[in-house]
């Protein structure tokens, strides 16, 4: 399911216009990303949690040129599905 399909489904379920639903959806995603940029965890009850993880600098190896390179520190977004959400989806199948 892509962004437009989610907006269409939510608009249909709530009776709100697609335009207004798209604004709300975009605002929710922006707020989540702003929190993650500040390295704050985002927890959505019965759905899951978003966190950031910082990976330390490390050495990498390029197999084609056989050169060892230094990879810089990087950050990644991690998502963990809530246990109750996982159980619901498994029990419904």
Foldseek 3Di string as FASTA:
>chain_A
DDDLVVLVVVCVVVVNDSVVSSVVVVVVVVVCVVCQVVQHKDADPQFWIKGKDKDQWDWDADVVVRDIDIGHIDMDIDIDTDPNNVVVVVVVD
